[in-house]
C-alpha atoms as a PDB file:
ATOM      1  CA  LEU A   1       0.000   0.000   0.000  1.00  0.00           C
ATOM      2  CA  GLY A   2       2.868   2.389   0.596  1.00  0.00           C
ATOM      3  CA  GLU A   3       2.631   5.168   3.145  1.00  0.00           C
ATOM      4  CA  GLY A   4       0.352   7.577   1.273  1.00  0.00           C
ATOM      5  CA  TYR A   5      -3.357   8.076   0.836  1.00  0.00           C
ATOM      6  CA  PRO A   6      -4.171   4.452  -0.199  1.00  0.00           C
ATOM      7  CA  LYS A   7      -3.005   3.269   3.225  1.00  0.00           C
ATOM      8  CA  LEU A   8      -5.152   5.919   4.895  1.00  0.00           C
ATOM      9  CA  VAL A   9      -8.163   4.959   2.755  1.00  0.00           C
ATOM     10  CA  SER A  10      -7.645   1.298   3.627  1.00  0.00           C
ATOM     11  CA  GLY A  11      -7.445   2.042   7.342  1.00  0.00           C
ATOM     12  CA  MET A  12     -10.482   4.309   7.320  1.00  0.00           C
ATOM     13  CA  LEU A  13     -12.607   1.873   5.304  1.00  0.00           C
ATOM     14  CA  THR A  14     -11.661  -0.896   7.730  1.00  0.00           C
ATOM     15  CA  ALA A  15     -12.519   1.335  10.691  1.00  0.00           C
ATOM     16  CA  PHE A  16     -15.767   2.716   9.243  1.00  0.00           C
ATOM     17  CA  LEU A  17     -17.023  -0.412   7.446  1.00  0.00           C
ATOM     18  CA  PRO A  18     -15.339  -3.477   8.990  1.00  0.00           C
ATOM     19  CA  GLU A  19     -18.229  -5.722   7.983  1.00  0.00           C
ATOM     20  CA  LEU A  20     -17.381  -5.228   4.294  1.00  0.00           C
ATOM     21  CA  LYS A  21     -13.855  -6.629   4.727  1.00  0.00           C
ATOM     22  CA  ILE A  22     -12.521  -4.302   2.047  1.00  0.00           C
ATOM     23  CA  HIS A  23      -9.015  -5.053   0.804  1.00  0.00           C
ATOM     24  CA  VAL A  24      -7.273  -2.090  -0.827  1.00  0.00           C
ATOM     25  CA  MET A  25      -4.430  -2.580  -3.298  1.00  0.00           C
ATOM     26  CA  ASN A  26      -2.156   0.156  -4.599  1.00  0.00           C
ATOM     27  CA  THR A  27      -0.559  -0.543  -7.965  1.00  0.00           C
ATOM     28  CA  GLY A  28       0.552   3.027  -8.559  1.00  0.00           C
ATOM     29  CA  ILE A  29       4.171   3.560  -9.570  1.00  0.00           C
ATOM     30  CA  SER A  30       5.871   6.883  -9.015  1.00  0.00           C
ATOM     31  CA  GLY A  31       6.692   8.676 -12.238  1.00  0.00           C
ATOM     32  CA  ASN A  32       4.325   6.658 -14.417  1.00  0.00           C
ATOM     33  CA  THR A  33       2.422   8.293 -17.226  1.00  0.00           C
ATOM     34  CA  ILE A  34      -0.759   6.926 -18.721  1.00  0.00           C
ATOM     35  CA  ARG A  35       1.430   5.140 -21.304  1.00  0.00           C
ATOM     36  CA  ASP A  36       3.204   3.246 -18.540  1.00  0.00           C
ATOM     37  CA  LEU A  37      -0.068   2.463 -16.798  1.00  0.00           C
ATOM     38  CA  ARG A  38      -1.605   1.140 -20.013  1.00  0.00           C
ATOM     39  CA  ALA A  39       1.398  -1.153 -20.572  1.00  0.00           C
ATOM     40  CA  ARG A  40       0.893  -2.852 -17.200  1.00  0.00           C
ATOM     41  CA  TRP A  41      -2.896  -2.534 -16.823  1.00  0.00           C
ATOM     42  CA  GLN A  42      -3.731  -6.162 -17.575  1.00  0.00           C
ATOM     43  CA  THR A  43      -1.202  -7.730 -15.195  1.00  0.00           C
ATOM     44  CA  ASP A  44      -1.169  -5.128 -12.423  1.00  0.00           C
ATOM     45  CA  VAL A  45      -4.888  -4.385 -12.321  1.00  0.00           C
ATOM     46  CA  LEU A  46      -7.232  -6.640 -14.273  1.00  0.00           C
ATOM     47  CA  ASP A  47      -5.439  -9.901 -13.462  1.00  0.00           C
ATOM     48  CA  GLN A  48      -5.971  -9.091  -9.760  1.00  0.00           C
ATOM     49  CA  ASN A  49      -9.753  -9.433 -10.293  1.00  0.00           C
ATOM     50  CA  PRO A  50     -10.721  -6.292  -8.376  1.00  0.00           C
ATOM     51  CA  ASP A  51     -14.313  -5.511  -7.438  1.00  0.00           C
ATOM     52  CA  TRP A  52     -13.674  -1.770  -7.773  1.00  0.00           C
ATOM     53  CA  VAL A  53     -10.945   0.185  -9.538  1.00  0.00           C
ATOM     54  CA  SER A  54      -9.823   3.746  -9.003  1.00  0.00           C
ATOM     55  CA  ILE A  55      -7.518   5.512 -11.425  1.00  0.00           C
ATOM     56  CA  MET A  56      -5.392   8.531 -10.582  1.00  0.00           C
ATOM     57  CA  ILE A  57      -3.125   9.332 -13.508  1.00  0.00           C
ATOM     58  CA  GLY A  58      -2.196  12.478 -15.362  1.00  0.00           C
ATOM     59  CA  ILE A  59       0.176  14.649 -13.375  1.00  0.00           C
ATOM     60  CA  ASN A  60       3.279  12.997 -14.836  1.00  0.00           C
ATOM     61  CA  ASP A  61       1.772  13.212 -18.313  1.00  0.00           C
ATOM     62  CA  VAL A  62       1.634  16.969 -17.823  1.00  0.00           C
ATOM     63  CA  TRP A  63       4.898  17.230 -15.893  1.00  0.00           C
ATOM     64  CA  ARG A  64       6.959  15.667 -18.704  1.00  0.00           C
ATOM     65  CA  HIS A  65       6.192  18.753 -20.811  1.00  0.00           C
ATOM     66  CA  PHE A  66       7.889  20.884 -18.149  1.00  0.00           C
ATOM     67  CA  ASP A  67      10.605  18.721 -16.581  1.00  0.00           C
ATOM     68  CA  HIS A  68      11.790  17.346 -19.957  1.00  0.00           C
ATOM     69  CA  PRO A  69      11.201  20.306 -22.289  1.00  0.00           C
ATOM     70  CA  PHE A  70      13.663  19.052 -24.908  1.00  0.00           C
ATOM     71  CA  GLU A  71      12.386  15.462 -25.022  1.00  0.00           C
ATOM     72  CA  PRO A  72       9.006  15.634 -26.771  1.00  0.00           C
ATOM     73  CA  ASN A  73       8.986  11.844 -27.132  1.00  0.00           C
ATOM     74  CA  LEU A  74       8.208  11.751 -23.388  1.00  0.00           C
ATOM     75  CA  TRP A  75       5.278  14.137 -23.645  1.00  0.00           C
ATOM     76  CA  VAL A  76       1.717  12.839 -23.532  1.00  0.00           C
ATOM     77  CA  ASN A  77      -0.594  15.228 -25.334  1.00  0.00           C
ATOM     78  CA  LYS A  78      -4.252  15.646 -24.489  1.00  0.00           C
ATOM     79  CA  GLU A  79      -5.462  13.512 -27.417  1.00  0.00           C
ATOM     80  CA  GLU A  80      -3.241  10.575 -26.417  1.00  0.00           C
ATOM     81  CA  TYR A  81      -4.303  10.980 -22.794  1.00  0.00           C
ATOM     82  CA  ILE A  82      -7.998  10.832 -23.728  1.00  0.00           C
ATOM     83  CA  LYS A  83      -7.535   7.877 -26.088  1.00  0.00           C
ATOM     84  CA  THR A  84      -5.516   5.850 -23.586  1.00  0.00           C
ATOM     85  CA  TYR A  85      -7.783   6.705 -20.647  1.00  0.00           C
ATOM     86  CA  ARG A  86     -10.751   5.508 -22.719  1.00  0.00           C
ATOM     87  CA  GLU A  87      -8.932   2.239 -23.388  1.00  0.00           C
ATOM     88  CA  LEU A  88      -8.403   1.692 -19.658  1.00  0.00           C
ATOM     89  CA  ILE A  89     -12.058   2.376 -18.911  1.00  0.00           C
ATOM     90  CA  GLU A  90     -13.292   0.185 -21.769  1.00  0.00           C
ATOM     91  CA  MET A  91     -11.041  -2.691 -20.681  1.00  0.00           C
ATOM     92  CA  THR A  92     -12.306  -2.430 -17.113  1.00  0.00           C
ATOM     93  CA  LYS A  93     -15.873  -1.153 -16.772  1.00  0.00           C
ATOM     94  CA  ASP A  94     -17.682  -4.429 -17.480  1.00  0.00           C
ATOM     95  CA  LYS A  95     -15.366  -6.423 -15.194  1.00  0.00           C
ATOM     96  CA  VAL A  96     -15.892  -4.454 -11.995  1.00  0.00           C
ATOM     97  CA  LYS A  97     -18.750  -3.286  -9.794  1.00  0.00           C
ATOM     98  CA  GLY A  98     -17.586   0.300 -10.027  1.00  0.00           C
ATOM     99  CA  MET A  99     -14.868   2.721 -10.986  1.00  0.00           C
ATOM    100  CA  VAL A 100     -13.564   5.951  -9.506  1.00  0.00           C
ATOM    101  CA  LEU A 101     -11.723   8.396 -11.743  1.00  0.00           C
ATOM    102  CA  ILE A 102      -9.522  10.703  -9.694  1.00  0.00           C
ATOM    103  CA  ALA A 103      -8.601  13.915 -11.473  1.00  0.00           C
ATOM    104  CA  PRO A 104      -4.966  14.944 -11.589  1.00  0.00           C
ATOM    105  CA  TYR A 105      -4.208  17.920  -9.379  1.00  0.00           C
ATOM    106  CA  TYR A 106      -1.582  20.589  -8.882  1.00  0.00           C
ATOM    107  CA  ILE A 107      -1.177  22.156  -5.474  1.00  0.00           C
ATOM    108  CA  ASP A 108      -0.875  25.752  -6.593  1.00  0.00           C
ATOM    109  CA  LYS A 109      -3.644  28.256  -7.120  1.00  0.00           C
ATOM    110  CA  ASN A 110      -1.702  30.424  -9.580  1.00  0.00           C
ATOM    111  CA  GLU A 111      -4.036  30.271 -12.568  1.00  0.00           C
ATOM    112  CA  THR A 112      -1.451  31.957 -14.815  1.00  0.00           C
ATOM    113  CA  ASP A 113       1.085  29.161 -14.301  1.00  0.00           C
ATOM    114  CA  PRO A 114       1.219  27.074 -17.519  1.00  0.00           C
ATOM    115  CA  MET A 115       1.451  23.802 -15.610  1.00  0.00           C
ATOM    116  CA  THR A 116      -1.561  24.703 -13.479  1.00  0.00           C
ATOM    117  CA  ALA A 117      -3.570  25.427 -16.626  1.00  0.00           C
ATOM    118  CA  MET A 118      -2.524  22.182 -18.295  1.00  0.00           C
ATOM    119  CA  VAL A 119      -3.300  20.066 -15.218  1.00  0.00           C
ATOM    120  CA  ARG A 120      -6.738  21.646 -14.954  1.00  0.00           C
ATOM    121  CA  ASP A 121      -7.321  20.915 -18.637  1.00  0.00           C
ATOM    122  CA  PHE A 122      -6.396  17.247 -18.149  1.00  0.00           C
ATOM    123  CA  ALA A 123      -8.597  17.149 -15.021  1.00  0.00           C
ATOM    124  CA  SER A 124     -11.554  18.400 -17.059  1.00  0.00           C
ATOM    125  CA  VAL A 125     -10.992  15.454 -19.421  1.00  0.00           C
ATOM    126  CA  VAL A 126     -11.271  13.063 -16.479  1.00  0.00           C
ATOM    127  CA  LYS A 127     -14.520  14.724 -15.385  1.00  0.00           C
ATOM    128  CA  GLU A 128     -15.920  14.405 -18.916  1.00  0.00           C
ATOM    129  CA  LEU A 129     -14.943  10.718 -19.080  1.00  0.00           C
ATOM    130  CA  ALA A 130     -16.491  10.026 -15.673  1.00  0.00           C
ATOM    131  CA  ASP A 131     -19.723  11.663 -16.813  1.00  0.00           C
ATOM    132  CA  GLU A 132     -19.692   9.854 -20.149  1.00  0.00           C
ATOM    133  CA  TYR A 133     -19.105   6.417 -18.625  1.00  0.00           C
ATOM    134  CA  GLN A 134     -21.284   7.147 -15.580  1.00  0.00           C
ATOM    135  CA  VAL A 135     -18.606   6.343 -13.043  1.00  0.00           C
ATOM    136  CA  ILE A 136     -17.593   8.187  -9.893  1.00  0.00           C
ATOM    137  CA  PHE A 137     -15.521  11.340 -10.296  1.00  0.00           C
ATOM    138  CA  CYS A 138     -13.185  12.448  -7.519  1.00  0.00           C
ATOM    139  CA  ASP A 139     -12.155  16.106  -7.672  1.00  0.00           C
ATOM    140  CA  VAL A 140      -9.168  16.340  -5.343  1.00  0.00           C
ATOM    141  CA  GLN A 141      -8.229  19.735  -6.782  1.00  0.00           C
ATOM    142  CA  LYS A 142     -11.319  21.182  -5.120  1.00  0.00           C
ATOM    143  CA  GLU A 143     -10.163  19.903  -1.713  1.00  0.00           C
ATOM    144  CA  PHE A 144      -6.618  21.190  -2.217  1.00  0.00           C
ATOM    145  CA  ASP A 145      -7.898  24.599  -3.317  1.00  0.00           C
ATOM    146  CA  GLU A 146     -10.120  24.794  -0.247  1.00  0.00           C
ATOM    147  CA  THR A 147      -7.252  23.848   2.073  1.00  0.00           C
ATOM    148  CA  GLN A 148      -4.962  26.438   0.468  1.00  0.00           C
ATOM    149  CA  LYS A 149      -7.261  29.189   1.700  1.00  0.00           C
ATOM    150  CA  ASN A 150      -5.680  28.596   5.117  1.00  0.00           C
ATOM    151  CA  LEU A 151      -2.486  26.651   4.405  1.00  0.00           C
ATOM    152  CA  HIS A 152       0.298  27.550   1.968  1.00  0.00           C
ATOM    153  CA  HIS A 153       1.026  24.862  -0.607  1.00  0.00           C
ATOM    154  CA  MET A 154       4.441  24.232   1.005  1.00  0.00           C
ATOM    155  CA  GLY A 155       2.584  22.897   4.037  1.00  0.00           C
ATOM    156  CA  ILE A 156       1.044  20.299   1.741  1.00  0.00           C
ATOM    157  CA  SER A 157       3.673  19.646  -0.920  1.00  0.00           C
ATOM    158  CA  ASN A 158       7.198  20.919  -1.493  1.00  0.00           C
ATOM    159  CA  ASP A 159       6.986  20.290  -5.259  1.00  0.00           C
ATOM    160  CA  ARG A 160       3.258  21.059  -5.655  1.00  0.00           C
ATOM    161  CA  VAL A 161       2.621  17.471  -6.809  1.00  0.00           C
ATOM    162  CA  HIS A 162       3.668  14.933  -4.182  1.00  0.00           C
ATOM    163  CA  PRO A 163       2.270  15.363  -0.683  1.00  0.00           C
ATOM    164  CA  ASN A 164       5.032  15.851   1.864  1.00  0.00           C
ATOM    165  CA  GLY A 165       6.233  12.631   3.513  1.00  0.00           C
ATOM    166  CA  GLY A 166       4.425  10.215   5.736  1.00  0.00           C
ATOM    167  CA  HIS A 167       0.952  11.112   6.816  1.00  0.00           C
ATOM    168  CA  SER A 168       1.106  14.755   5.876  1.00  0.00           C
ATOM    169  CA  PRO A 169      -1.961  16.930   5.302  1.00  0.00           C
ATOM    170  CA  GLY A 170      -1.750  16.195   1.563  1.00  0.00           C
ATOM    171  CA  HIS A 171      -2.260  12.470   2.038  1.00  0.00           C
ATOM    172  CA  PHE A 172      -5.196  13.110   4.371  1.00  0.00           C
ATOM    173  CA  ILE A 173      -6.723  15.517   1.841  1.00  0.00           C
ATOM    174  CA  LEU A 174      -6.454  12.863  -0.884  1.00  0.00           C
ATOM    175  CA  ALA A 175      -7.987  10.204   1.377  1.00  0.00           C
ATOM    176  CA  LYS A 176     -10.799  12.532   2.475  1.00  0.00           C
ATOM    177  CA  SER A 177     -11.583  13.480  -1.123  1.00  0.00           C
ATOM    178  CA  PHE A 178     -11.676   9.837  -2.212  1.00  0.00           C
ATOM    179  CA  LEU A 179     -13.891   8.756   0.692  1.00  0.00           C
ATOM    180  CA  LYS A 180     -16.273  11.651   0.043  1.00  0.00           C
ATOM    181  CA  ALA A 181     -16.492  10.679  -3.631  1.00  0.00           C
ATOM    182  CA  VAL A 182     -17.429   7.086  -2.778  1.00  0.00           C
ATOM    183  CA  GLU A 183     -19.788   8.327  -0.057  1.00  0.00           C
ATOM    184  CA  CYS A 184     -17.869   6.749   2.816  1.00  0.00           C
ATOM    185  CA  TRP A 185     -16.757   9.927   4.573  1.00  0.00           C
ATOM    186  CA  PRO A 186     -18.407   9.870   8.027  1.00  0.00           C
ATOM    187  CA  ILE A 187     -18.106  13.571   8.818  1.00  0.00           C
ATOM    188  CA  GLU A 188     -20.525  16.173   7.475  1.00  0.00           C
END
């Protein structure tokens, strides 16, 4: 599970709904783009026979445009992102009870930042796909934006992408957002 939000989600689901005996798996790999995820989708996800699947992918697809500006072969454009995301959904939707699509996020409210704009554009794609396929959409950006009204992004993430180590506020925000999306958050 790692030490991030999936571990928190697992613990909270066990605490809130022990009768369901929910087993959470985390097959996320740091640095992966949707290309990488697609290449391992069958073995790492579908072959595990999950009841539910959540997908959070996109930040690295955007980031490659900025951290590797002279290597366009690493860039995932919006059209490829949409096409590949559709493939993942199509391969999965009839094999599971439900899906949760978690929008990529960027922990910075500067709307003029090019990376912020691109992440929000990719996030809107995820929302459109969730609506189209009638699956659950999880908008973590909304939670991060709300938190940033009272907490600078450095208190959440030093690089504006990865929550600071251990059980930092960023991991709790991700877990809270996920549990709210699947209607398992016990606090109003």
